[in-house]
């Protein structure tokens, strides 16, 4: 986890931190799966996912087994080479 990601997550409510950890430990899940694993209400999970998406740490994809649902997963962290290239470009 990069420093900027850690800082962004630190400012989130506890429910969003829990949802992040559930996704970190279990991999991609649907909202129903997150509700089951976290034991939070569906409304709380929706709010937590919105907050995580705002800071770009969670991606939302189509769940092919049931297109009515979405699959949520933690975004891929940039490689050190990509971070270095971005730092050079920012100078």
C-alpha atoms as a PDB file:
ATOM      1  CA  UNK A   1       0.000   0.000   0.000  1.00  0.00           C
ATOM      2  CA  UNK A   2       1.436   3.363  -1.006  1.00  0.00           C
ATOM      3  CA  UNK A   3       1.713   6.250   1.441  1.00  0.00           C
ATOM      4  CA  UNK A   4      -0.978   8.272  -0.327  1.00  0.00           C
ATOM      5  CA  UNK A   5      -3.364   5.298  -0.204  1.00  0.00           C
ATOM      6  CA  UNK A   6      -2.689   4.801   3.501  1.00  0.00           C
ATOM      7  CA  UNK A   7      -3.292   8.495   4.185  1.00  0.00           C
ATOM      8  CA  UNK A   8      -6.548   8.439   2.218  1.00  0.00           C
ATOM      9  CA  UNK A   9      -7.816   5.376   4.070  1.00  0.00           C
ATOM     10  CA  UNK A  10      -6.838   6.813   7.461  1.00  0.00           C
ATOM     11  CA  UNK A  11      -9.327   9.647   6.961  1.00  0.00           C
ATOM     12  CA  UNK A  12     -12.248   7.292   6.228  1.00  0.00           C
ATOM     13  CA  UNK A  13     -14.907   6.108   8.693  1.00  0.00           C
ATOM     14  CA  UNK A  14     -14.361   2.748  10.428  1.00  0.00           C
ATOM     15  CA  UNK A  15     -16.902   0.997   8.199  1.00  0.00           C
ATOM     16  CA  UNK A  16     -14.940   1.924   5.059  1.00  0.00           C
ATOM     17  CA  UNK A  17     -11.706   0.705   6.661  1.00  0.00           C
ATOM     18  CA  UNK A  18     -13.398  -2.597   7.513  1.00  0.00           C
ATOM     19  CA  UNK A  19     -14.719  -3.010   3.959  1.00  0.00           C
ATOM     20  CA  UNK A  20     -11.202  -2.303   2.622  1.00  0.00           C
ATOM     21  CA  UNK A  21      -9.726  -4.965   4.910  1.00  0.00           C
ATOM     22  CA  UNK A  22     -12.421  -7.486   3.933  1.00  0.00           C
ATOM     23  CA  UNK A  23     -11.550  -6.950   0.265  1.00  0.00           C
ATOM     24  CA  UNK A  24      -7.841  -7.102   1.062  1.00  0.00           C
ATOM     25  CA  UNK A  25      -8.176 -10.475   2.821  1.00  0.00           C
ATOM     26  CA  UNK A  26     -10.847 -12.108   0.641  1.00  0.00           C
ATOM     27  CA  UNK A  27     -10.182 -10.666  -2.788  1.00  0.00           C
ATOM     28  CA  UNK A  28     -12.941  -9.499  -5.131  1.00  0.00           C
ATOM     29  CA  UNK A  29     -16.466  -9.717  -3.677  1.00  0.00           C
ATOM     30  CA  UNK A  30     -19.978  -8.579  -4.479  1.00  0.00           C
ATOM     31  CA  UNK A  31     -21.848  -6.265  -2.100  1.00  0.00           C
ATOM     32  CA  UNK A  32     -23.673  -9.304  -0.723  1.00  0.00           C
ATOM     33  CA  UNK A  33     -20.351 -11.005  -0.079  1.00  0.00           C
ATOM     34  CA  UNK A  34     -18.980  -7.936   1.693  1.00  0.00           C
ATOM     35  CA  UNK A  35     -22.144  -7.704   3.821  1.00  0.00           C
ATOM     36  CA  UNK A  36     -21.773 -11.367   4.796  1.00  0.00           C
ATOM     37  CA  UNK A  37     -18.052 -11.152   5.597  1.00  0.00           C
ATOM     38  CA  UNK A  38     -18.119  -7.805   7.398  1.00  0.00           C
ATOM     39  CA  UNK A  39     -21.469  -8.272   9.187  1.00  0.00           C
ATOM     40  CA  UNK A  40     -22.326  -4.648   8.319  1.00  0.00           C
ATOM     41  CA  UNK A  41     -25.705  -3.584   6.951  1.00  0.00           C
ATOM     42  CA  UNK A  42     -26.142  -3.340   3.174  1.00  0.00           C
ATOM     43  CA  UNK A  43     -26.627   0.420   3.431  1.00  0.00           C
ATOM     44  CA  UNK A  44     -23.392   0.834   5.398  1.00  0.00           C
ATOM     45  CA  UNK A  45     -21.486  -1.269   2.867  1.00  0.00           C
ATOM     46  CA  UNK A  46     -22.854   0.847  -0.019  1.00  0.00           C
ATOM     47  CA  UNK A  47     -21.739   4.020   1.738  1.00  0.00           C
ATOM     48  CA  UNK A  48     -18.304   2.557   2.527  1.00  0.00           C
ATOM     49  CA  UNK A  49     -17.824   1.486  -1.089  1.00  0.00           C
ATOM     50  CA  UNK A  50     -18.771   4.978  -2.308  1.00  0.00           C
ATOM     51  CA  UNK A  51     -16.165   6.498  -0.012  1.00  0.00           C
ATOM     52  CA  UNK A  52     -13.511   4.000  -1.135  1.00  0.00           C
ATOM     53  CA  UNK A  53     -14.317   4.667  -4.803  1.00  0.00           C
ATOM     54  CA  UNK A  54     -13.970   8.444  -4.204  1.00  0.00           C
ATOM     55  CA  UNK A  55     -10.322   7.991  -3.258  1.00  0.00           C
ATOM     56  CA  UNK A  56      -9.727   5.433  -6.042  1.00  0.00           C
ATOM     57  CA  UNK A  57      -8.753   2.454  -3.919  1.00  0.00           C
ATOM     58  CA  UNK A  58     -11.612   0.193  -5.042  1.00  0.00           C
ATOM     59  CA  UNK A  59     -12.654  -0.776  -8.563  1.00  0.00           C
ATOM     60  CA  UNK A  60     -16.169  -1.789  -9.562  1.00  0.00           C
ATOM     61  CA  UNK A  61     -16.547  -4.419 -12.299  1.00  0.00           C
ATOM     62  CA  UNK A  62     -19.396  -6.474 -13.754  1.00  0.00           C
ATOM     63  CA  UNK A  63     -20.037  -9.742 -11.950  1.00  0.00           C
ATOM     64  CA  UNK A  64     -20.479 -12.144 -14.859  1.00  0.00           C
ATOM     65  CA  UNK A  65     -22.205 -14.843 -12.817  1.00  0.00           C
ATOM     66  CA  UNK A  66     -25.059 -12.374 -12.118  1.00  0.00           C
ATOM     67  CA  UNK A  67     -25.013  -9.185 -14.190  1.00  0.00           C
ATOM     68  CA  UNK A  68     -27.362  -7.482 -11.705  1.00  0.00           C
ATOM     69  CA  UNK A  69     -24.500  -7.334  -9.213  1.00  0.00           C
ATOM     70  CA  UNK A  70     -21.097  -5.687  -9.265  1.00  0.00           C
ATOM     71  CA  UNK A  71     -17.782  -7.106  -8.197  1.00  0.00           C
ATOM     72  CA  UNK A  72     -15.574  -4.916  -6.027  1.00  0.00           C
ATOM     73  CA  UNK A  73     -11.828  -5.277  -5.660  1.00  0.00           C
ATOM     74  CA  UNK A  74      -8.900  -3.237  -4.435  1.00  0.00           C
ATOM     75  CA  UNK A  75      -7.230  -1.299  -7.230  1.00  0.00           C
ATOM     76  CA  UNK A  76      -3.865  -2.478  -8.408  1.00  0.00           C
ATOM     77  CA  UNK A  77      -1.101  -0.531  -6.753  1.00  0.00           C
ATOM     78  CA  UNK A  78       1.345   1.125  -9.135  1.00  0.00           C
ATOM     79  CA  UNK A  79       4.688  -0.559  -9.578  1.00  0.00           C
ATOM     80  CA  UNK A  80       7.772   1.232  -8.222  1.00  0.00           C
ATOM     81  CA  UNK A  81       8.826   1.916 -11.821  1.00  0.00           C
ATOM     82  CA  UNK A  82       5.508   3.615 -12.585  1.00  0.00           C
ATOM     83  CA  UNK A  83       5.722   5.706  -9.415  1.00  0.00           C
ATOM     84  CA  UNK A  84       9.285   6.718 -10.303  1.00  0.00           C
ATOM     85  CA  UNK A  85       8.268   7.673 -13.848  1.00  0.00           C
ATOM     86  CA  UNK A  86       5.405   9.758 -12.463  1.00  0.00           C
ATOM     87  CA  UNK A  87       7.746  11.480 -10.003  1.00  0.00           C
ATOM     88  CA  UNK A  88      10.140  12.343 -12.838  1.00  0.00           C
ATOM     89  CA  UNK A  89       7.248  13.691 -14.902  1.00  0.00           C
ATOM     90  CA  UNK A  90       6.076  15.858 -11.977  1.00  0.00           C
ATOM     91  CA  UNK A  91       9.444  17.638 -11.678  1.00  0.00           C
END
